C-alpha atoms as a PDB file:
ATOM      1  CA  MET A   1       9.022 -11.585  11.002  1.00  0.00           C
ATOM      2  CA  GLU A   2       8.614  -7.853  11.668  1.00  0.00           C
ATOM      3  CA  THR A   3       7.943  -7.306  15.388  1.00  0.00           C
ATOM      4  CA  ALA A   4       7.099  -3.584  15.548  1.00  0.00           C
ATOM      5  CA  SER A   5       3.366  -2.967  15.219  1.00  0.00           C
ATOM      6  CA  ILE A   6       1.918  -0.745  12.543  1.00  0.00           C
ATOM      7  CA  GLU A   7       1.819   2.971  13.378  1.00  0.00           C
ATOM      8  CA  ARG A   8      -1.455   4.287  14.790  1.00  0.00           C
ATOM      9  CA  GLU A   9      -1.064   7.298  12.514  1.00  0.00           C
ATOM     10  CA  PHE A  10      -1.325   4.989   9.497  1.00  0.00           C
ATOM     11  CA  LEU A  11      -4.744   3.840  10.731  1.00  0.00           C
ATOM     12  CA  SER A  12      -5.966   7.324  11.694  1.00  0.00           C
ATOM     13  CA  ARG A  13      -7.195   7.991   8.161  1.00  0.00           C
ATOM     14  CA  PRO A  14     -10.464   7.430   6.275  1.00  0.00           C
ATOM     15  CA  GLY A  15     -11.378   3.785   5.942  1.00  0.00           C
ATOM     16  CA  LEU A  16     -11.282   3.839   2.150  1.00  0.00           C
ATOM     17  CA  GLU A  17      -7.629   4.903   2.340  1.00  0.00           C
ATOM     18  CA  VAL A  18      -6.679   2.465   5.084  1.00  0.00           C
ATOM     19  CA  ALA A  19      -8.403  -0.613   3.627  1.00  0.00           C
ATOM     20  CA  PRO A  20      -6.202  -1.234   0.549  1.00  0.00           C
ATOM     21  CA  GLY A  21      -3.144  -0.410   2.667  1.00  0.00           C
ATOM     22  CA  LEU A  22      -3.957  -3.311   4.992  1.00  0.00           C
ATOM     23  CA  LEU A  23      -3.506  -5.847   2.206  1.00  0.00           C
ATOM     24  CA  GLY A  24      -0.290  -7.714   2.899  1.00  0.00           C
ATOM     25  CA  CYS A  25      -0.221  -6.645   6.546  1.00  0.00           C
ATOM     26  CA  VAL A  26      -0.097  -9.348   9.224  1.00  0.00           C
ATOM     27  CA  LEU A  27      -2.463  -9.831  12.160  1.00  0.00           C
ATOM     28  CA  ARG A  28      -0.833 -11.917  14.894  1.00  0.00           C
ATOM     29  CA  HIS A  29      -2.636 -13.250  17.967  1.00  0.00           C
ATOM     30  CA  THR A  30      -1.025 -15.054  20.898  1.00  0.00           C
ATOM     31  CA  THR A  31      -2.946 -17.199  23.388  1.00  0.00           C
ATOM     32  CA  PRO A  32      -1.812 -19.761  25.979  1.00  0.00           C
ATOM     33  CA  ASP A  33      -2.090 -22.341  23.166  1.00  0.00           C
ATOM     34  CA  GLY A  34       0.416 -20.524  20.962  1.00  0.00           C
ATOM     35  CA  THR A  35       0.612 -17.936  18.210  1.00  0.00           C
ATOM     36  CA  VAL A  36      -1.129 -17.706  14.849  1.00  0.00           C
ATOM     37  CA  ALA A  37      -0.433 -14.989  12.284  1.00  0.00           C
ATOM     38  CA  VAL A  38      -2.451 -14.226   9.155  1.00  0.00           C
ATOM     39  CA  ARG A  39      -1.324 -12.182   6.141  1.00  0.00           C
ATOM     40  CA  LEU A  40      -4.348 -10.177   5.029  1.00  0.00           C
ATOM     41  CA  THR A  41      -5.502 -10.703   1.438  1.00  0.00           C
ATOM     42  CA  GLU A  42      -9.078  -9.350   1.524  1.00  0.00           C
ATOM     43  CA  VAL A  43     -10.779  -6.533   3.447  1.00  0.00           C
ATOM     44  CA  GLU A  44     -13.895  -4.335   3.360  1.00  0.00           C
ATOM     45  CA  ALA A  45     -14.291  -0.694   4.407  1.00  0.00           C
ATOM     46  CA  TYR A  46     -17.246   0.547   6.476  1.00  0.00           C
ATOM     47  CA  GLN A  47     -17.890   4.269   6.752  1.00  0.00           C
ATOM     48  CA  GLY A  48     -19.804   4.761  10.000  1.00  0.00           C
ATOM     49  CA  ALA A  49     -22.899   6.949  10.197  1.00  0.00           C
ATOM     50  CA  ASP A  50     -22.882   7.608   6.427  1.00  0.00           C
ATOM     51  CA  ASP A  51     -22.898   3.916   5.533  1.00  0.00           C
ATOM     52  CA  PRO A  52     -26.157   1.890   5.690  1.00  0.00           C
ATOM     53  CA  GLY A  53     -24.073  -1.294   5.883  1.00  0.00           C
ATOM     54  CA  SER A  54     -22.218  -0.190   9.009  1.00  0.00           C
ATOM     55  CA  HIS A  55     -23.122  -1.208  12.563  1.00  0.00           C
ATOM     56  CA  ALA A  56     -22.787   2.485  13.435  1.00  0.00           C
ATOM     57  CA  PHE A  57     -25.368   3.685  10.900  1.00  0.00           C
ATOM     58  CA  ARG A  58     -27.979   4.217  13.613  1.00  0.00           C
ATOM     59  CA  GLY A  59     -25.606   5.631  16.184  1.00  0.00           C
ATOM     60  CA  ARG A  60     -23.522   4.532  19.156  1.00  0.00           C
ATOM     61  CA  THR A  61     -24.566   1.436  21.120  1.00  0.00           C
ATOM     62  CA  PRO A  62     -22.857  -0.798  23.698  1.00  0.00           C
ATOM     63  CA  ARG A  63     -22.208  -3.279  20.878  1.00  0.00           C
ATOM     64  CA  ASN A  64     -20.435  -0.869  18.495  1.00  0.00           C
ATOM     65  CA  GLU A  65     -18.738   1.376  21.084  1.00  0.00           C
ATOM     66  CA  VAL A  66     -15.225   0.309  20.041  1.00  0.00           C
ATOM     67  CA  MET A  67     -15.876   1.473  16.459  1.00  0.00           C
ATOM     68  CA  PHE A  68     -15.980   5.088  17.607  1.00  0.00           C
ATOM     69  CA  GLY A  69     -12.260   5.062  18.283  1.00  0.00           C
ATOM     70  CA  PRO A  70      -9.521   5.715  18.794  1.00  0.00           C
ATOM     71  CA  ALA A  71      -7.928   4.120  15.745  1.00  0.00           C
ATOM     72  CA  GLY A  72      -5.846   0.983  16.051  1.00  0.00           C
ATOM     73  CA  HIS A  73      -8.230  -1.106  18.120  1.00  0.00           C
ATOM     74  CA  LEU A  74      -9.941  -4.353  17.187  1.00  0.00           C
ATOM     75  CA  TYR A  75     -13.731  -4.397  16.902  1.00  0.00           C
ATOM     76  CA  VAL A  76     -14.967  -7.966  17.359  1.00  0.00           C
ATOM     77  CA  TYR A  77     -18.665  -8.736  16.999  1.00  0.00           C
ATOM     78  CA  PHE A  78     -20.902 -11.808  17.102  1.00  0.00           C
ATOM     79  CA  THR A  79     -23.151 -12.413  14.104  1.00  0.00           C
ATOM     80  CA  TYR A  80     -25.874 -14.836  13.031  1.00  0.00           C
ATOM     81  CA  GLY A  81     -25.796 -16.327  16.520  1.00  0.00           C
ATOM     82  CA  MET A  82     -22.762 -18.440  15.669  1.00  0.00           C
ATOM     83  CA  HIS A  83     -19.713 -16.519  14.360  1.00  0.00           C
ATOM     84  CA  PHE A  84     -17.320 -13.787  15.415  1.00  0.00           C
ATOM     85  CA  CYS A  85     -15.876 -11.305  12.912  1.00  0.00           C
ATOM     86  CA  ALA A  86     -13.078  -8.758  13.398  1.00  0.00           C
ATOM     87  CA  ASN A  87     -12.490  -5.208  12.182  1.00  0.00           C
ATOM     88  CA  VAL A  88      -9.632  -2.737  12.476  1.00  0.00           C
ATOM     89  CA  VAL A  89     -10.893   0.634  13.751  1.00  0.00           C
ATOM     90  CA  CYS A  90      -9.526   3.598  11.802  1.00  0.00           C
ATOM     91  CA  ASP A  91      -9.991   7.329  11.083  1.00  0.00           C
ATOM     92  CA  VAL A  92     -10.288  10.022  13.766  1.00  0.00           C
ATOM     93  CA  GLU A  93     -11.994   9.276  17.055  1.00  0.00           C
ATOM     94  CA  GLY A  94     -15.775   9.553  16.863  1.00  0.00           C
ATOM     95  CA  THR A  95     -16.200   8.594  13.191  1.00  0.00           C
ATOM     96  CA  ALA A  96     -16.979   4.896  13.807  1.00  0.00           C
ATOM     97  CA  THR A  97     -15.015   3.864  10.728  1.00  0.00           C
ATOM     98  CA  ALA A  98     -13.655   0.322  10.515  1.00  0.00           C
ATOM     99  CA  VAL A  99     -12.258  -2.223   8.075  1.00  0.00           C
ATOM    100  CA  LEU A 100     -13.594  -5.779   8.146  1.00  0.00           C
ATOM    101  CA  LEU A 101     -10.926  -8.471   7.803  1.00  0.00           C
ATOM    102  CA  ARG A 102     -12.393 -10.833   5.219  1.00  0.00           C
ATOM    103  CA  GLY A 103      -9.609 -13.238   4.361  1.00  0.00           C
ATOM    104  CA  GLY A 104      -5.954 -14.099   4.661  1.00  0.00           C
ATOM    105  CA  GLU A 105      -3.152 -16.645   4.567  1.00  0.00           C
ATOM    106  CA  VAL A 106      -1.917 -18.312   7.751  1.00  0.00           C
ATOM    107  CA  ILE A 107       1.848 -17.727   7.761  1.00  0.00           C
ATOM    108  CA  GLU A 108       2.630 -18.684  11.355  1.00  0.00           C
ATOM    109  CA  GLY A 109       1.087 -21.303  13.621  1.00  0.00           C
ATOM    110  CA  SER A 110      -0.447 -23.374  10.835  1.00  0.00           C
ATOM    111  CA  ALA A 111      -0.686 -26.493  13.017  1.00  0.00           C
ATOM    112  CA  LEU A 112      -2.589 -24.610  15.720  1.00  0.00           C
ATOM    113  CA  ALA A 113      -4.869 -22.990  13.140  1.00  0.00           C
ATOM    114  CA  ALA A 114      -5.651 -26.449  11.773  1.00  0.00           C
ATOM    115  CA  THR A 115      -6.914 -27.610  15.192  1.00  0.00           C
ATOM    116  CA  ARG A 116      -9.257 -24.617  15.278  1.00  0.00           C
ATOM    117  CA  ARG A 117     -10.461 -25.137  11.716  1.00  0.00           C
ATOM    118  CA  LEU A 118     -11.154 -28.866  11.609  1.00  0.00           C
ATOM    119  CA  SER A 119     -13.676 -28.452   8.790  1.00  0.00           C
ATOM    120  CA  ALA A 120     -11.074 -26.892   6.475  1.00  0.00           C
ATOM    121  CA  ARG A 121     -10.157 -29.197   3.608  1.00  0.00           C
ATOM    122  CA  THR A 122      -6.912 -27.396   2.743  1.00  0.00           C
ATOM    123  CA  PRO A 123      -4.677 -24.770   4.432  1.00  0.00           C
ATOM    124  CA  ARG A 124      -5.993 -22.082   2.087  1.00  0.00           C
ATOM    125  CA  GLU A 125      -9.365 -22.427   3.842  1.00  0.00           C
ATOM    126  CA  TYR A 126      -8.031 -21.800   7.353  1.00  0.00           C
ATOM    127  CA  ALA A 127      -8.694 -18.039   7.127  1.00  0.00           C
ATOM    128  CA  ARG A 128     -10.704 -17.750   3.900  1.00  0.00           C
ATOM    129  CA  GLY A 129     -13.708 -15.720   5.027  1.00  0.00           C
ATOM    130  CA  PRO A 130     -14.209 -13.359   7.979  1.00  0.00           C
ATOM    131  CA  ALA A 131     -15.502 -15.913  10.498  1.00  0.00           C
ATOM    132  CA  ARG A 132     -12.849 -18.458   9.506  1.00  0.00           C
ATOM    133  CA  LEU A 133     -10.095 -15.863   9.870  1.00  0.00           C
ATOM    134  CA  VAL A 134     -11.228 -15.052  13.414  1.00  0.00           C
ATOM    135  CA  SER A 135     -11.509 -18.730  14.285  1.00  0.00           C
ATOM    136  CA  ALA A 136      -8.032 -19.560  12.950  1.00  0.00           C
ATOM    137  CA  LEU A 137      -6.539 -16.742  15.007  1.00  0.00           C
ATOM    138  CA  GLY A 138      -8.399 -17.816  18.142  1.00  0.00           C
ATOM    139  CA  LEU A 139     -10.103 -14.438  18.591  1.00  0.00           C
ATOM    140  CA  GLY A 140     -13.336 -14.021  20.517  1.00  0.00           C
ATOM    141  CA  ARG A 141     -15.525 -11.644  22.475  1.00  0.00           C
ATOM    142  CA  SER A 142     -12.803 -10.965  25.059  1.00  0.00           C
ATOM    143  CA  ASP A 143     -10.582  -9.532  22.303  1.00  0.00           C
ATOM    144  CA  ASN A 144     -13.048  -6.764  21.448  1.00  0.00           C
ATOM    145  CA  GLY A 145     -11.203  -3.475  21.992  1.00  0.00           C
ATOM    146  CA  ALA A 146      -7.702  -4.988  21.843  1.00  0.00           C
ATOM    147  CA  ASP A 147      -5.061  -2.365  21.038  1.00  0.00           C
ATOM    148  CA  LEU A 148      -3.285  -3.535  17.885  1.00  0.00           C
ATOM    149  CA  CYS A 149      -0.589  -0.861  18.164  1.00  0.00           C
ATOM    150  CA  ALA A 150       0.388  -1.229  21.844  1.00  0.00           C
ATOM    151  CA  PRO A 151       3.838  -2.659  22.652  1.00  0.00           C
ATOM    152  CA  GLY A 152       3.525  -6.123  24.146  1.00  0.00           C
ATOM    153  CA  SER A 153      -0.113  -6.575  23.102  1.00  0.00           C
ATOM    154  CA  PRO A 154      -1.063 -10.236  22.497  1.00  0.00           C
ATOM    155  CA  THR A 155      -2.881  -9.080  19.372  1.00  0.00           C
ATOM    156  CA  VAL A 156      -0.850  -6.931  17.001  1.00  0.00           C
ATOM    157  CA  LEU A 157      -1.094  -5.637  13.449  1.00  0.00           C
ATOM    158  CA  LEU A 158       2.260  -5.762  11.682  1.00  0.00           C
ATOM    159  CA  PRO A 159       3.453  -4.180   8.440  1.00  0.00           C
ATOM    160  CA  GLY A 160       3.850  -6.752   5.707  1.00  0.00           C
ATOM    161  CA  ALA A 161       5.983  -7.014   2.617  1.00  0.00           C
ATOM    162  CA  PRO A 162       5.219  -4.340  -0.007  1.00  0.00           C
ATOM    163  CA  VAL A 163       2.279  -5.184  -2.266  1.00  0.00           C
ATOM    164  CA  ASP A 164       2.326  -4.578  -6.004  1.00  0.00           C
ATOM    165  CA  PRO A 165      -0.448  -1.979  -6.605  1.00  0.00           C
ATOM    166  CA  GLU A 166      -1.287  -3.747  -9.862  1.00  0.00           C
ATOM    167  CA  ARG A 167      -2.528  -6.721  -7.827  1.00  0.00           C
ATOM    168  CA  VAL A 168      -5.039  -4.728  -5.781  1.00  0.00           C
ATOM    169  CA  ARG A 169      -8.624  -5.180  -6.934  1.00  0.00           C
ATOM    170  CA  THR A 170     -11.810  -3.496  -5.723  1.00  0.00           C
ATOM    171  CA  GLY A 171     -15.485  -4.340  -6.006  1.00  0.00           C
ATOM    172  CA  PRO A 172     -18.821  -4.546  -4.166  1.00  0.00           C
ATOM    173  CA  ARG A 173     -18.864  -5.670  -0.572  1.00  0.00           C
ATOM    174  CA  VAL A 174     -20.132  -9.172   0.124  1.00  0.00           C
ATOM    175  CA  GLY A 175     -23.822  -9.380   0.997  1.00  0.00           C
ATOM    176  CA  VAL A 176     -24.182  -5.609   1.453  1.00  0.00           C
ATOM    177  CA  SER A 177     -26.711  -3.651  -0.589  1.00  0.00           C
ATOM    178  CA  GLY A 178     -25.921  -0.421  -2.400  1.00  0.00           C
ATOM    179  CA  PRO A 179     -28.352   2.324  -3.390  1.00  0.00           C
ATOM    180  CA  GLY A 180     -29.645   0.176  -6.220  1.00  0.00           C
ATOM    181  CA  GLY A 181     -30.062  -2.877  -4.023  1.00  0.00           C
ATOM    182  CA  ASP A 182     -27.167  -4.810  -5.544  1.00  0.00           C
ATOM    183  CA  GLY A 183     -24.084  -3.447  -3.742  1.00  0.00           C
ATOM    184  CA  VAL A 184     -22.649  -1.874  -6.879  1.00  0.00           C
ATOM    185  CA  GLY A 185     -22.862   1.589  -5.325  1.00  0.00           C
ATOM    186  CA  PHE A 186     -20.340   0.644  -2.636  1.00  0.00           C
ATOM    187  CA  PRO A 187     -17.234  -0.922  -4.253  1.00  0.00           C
ATOM    188  CA  TRP A 188     -15.448  -0.936  -0.915  1.00  0.00           C
ATOM    189  CA  ARG A 189     -14.078  -4.485  -0.885  1.00  0.00           C
ATOM    190  CA  PHE A 190     -10.357  -4.770  -1.658  1.00  0.00           C
ATOM    191  CA  TRP A 191      -8.376  -7.924  -2.372  1.00  0.00           C
ATOM    192  CA  LEU A 192      -5.134  -9.208  -3.846  1.00  0.00           C
ATOM    193  CA  ASP A 193      -5.619 -10.666  -7.290  1.00  0.00           C
ATOM    194  CA  GLY A 194      -4.650 -14.305  -7.657  1.00  0.00           C
ATOM    195  CA  GLU A 195      -4.719 -15.124  -3.938  1.00  0.00           C
ATOM    196  CA  PRO A 196      -6.450 -18.465  -3.227  1.00  0.00           C
ATOM    197  CA  THR A 197      -7.385 -17.249   0.270  1.00  0.00           C
ATOM    198  CA  VAL A 198      -9.780 -14.576  -1.042  1.00  0.00           C
ATOM    199  CA  SER A 199     -13.349 -15.578  -0.174  1.00  0.00           C
ATOM    200  CA  PRO A 200     -16.002 -16.206  -2.846  1.00  0.00           C
ATOM    201  CA  TYR A 201     -18.109 -13.171  -3.766  1.00  0.00           C
ATOM    202  CA  ARG A 202     -21.799 -13.364  -2.912  1.00  0.00           C
ATOM    203  CA  PRO A 203     -23.983 -10.403  -3.902  1.00  0.00           C
ATOM    204  CA  HIS A 204     -26.622  -8.972  -1.622  1.00  0.00           C
ATOM    205  CA  VAL A 205     -29.996 -10.674  -2.008  1.00  0.00           C
ATOM    206  CA  PRO A 206     -32.887  -8.442  -0.884  1.00  0.00           C
ATOM    207  CA  LYS A 207     -35.420 -10.119   1.392  1.00  0.00           C
ATOM    208  CA  ARG A 208     -38.781 -10.622  -0.252  1.00  0.00           C
ATOM    209  CA  ARG A 209     -41.902  -9.838   1.671  1.00  0.00           C
ATOM    210  CA  LYS A 210     -44.250 -12.784   1.992  1.00  0.00           C
END
């Protein structure tokens, strides 16, 4: 497998340019238990202060600090009181742009991933969904801010095999509302057509006032 990490310059671009380019790339994480690597098949772009769906929409906080750059770092956050999710920070420093890693295929360390994903019925479910992907890789709060481009880093983003552009699909983000309340205004989710590791699409459901 390719050992040189992806170039920081590649990630120092707008999120909507970086996101489709991450499809086919490999995120590899090494812990004392071993190494797991996931080939990315589904991602979502988040555009910082201009994006109501972004954690940075209301400005810089201790939680989202890593999102503000520089590019090439991992933004890991805890959500719903039970799951961690991971994003690749991109664009120029200060923009708070990031790409959520939604799904992928475990291509290294499958046995270790299986011990972390005991509820998975098949290998395709090891990293199918953002929380599952993080769990399979063994990422957690301590990995927030990890430099994915640094030589010798235990968490690295690697270039993958070239992806056929005809396979790249785009559509609304999962569970994120657009201007019309249905997410259609933000078709910023990208995935590889025909991949069984792409997570199911669930549209945003507005909360009803009681």
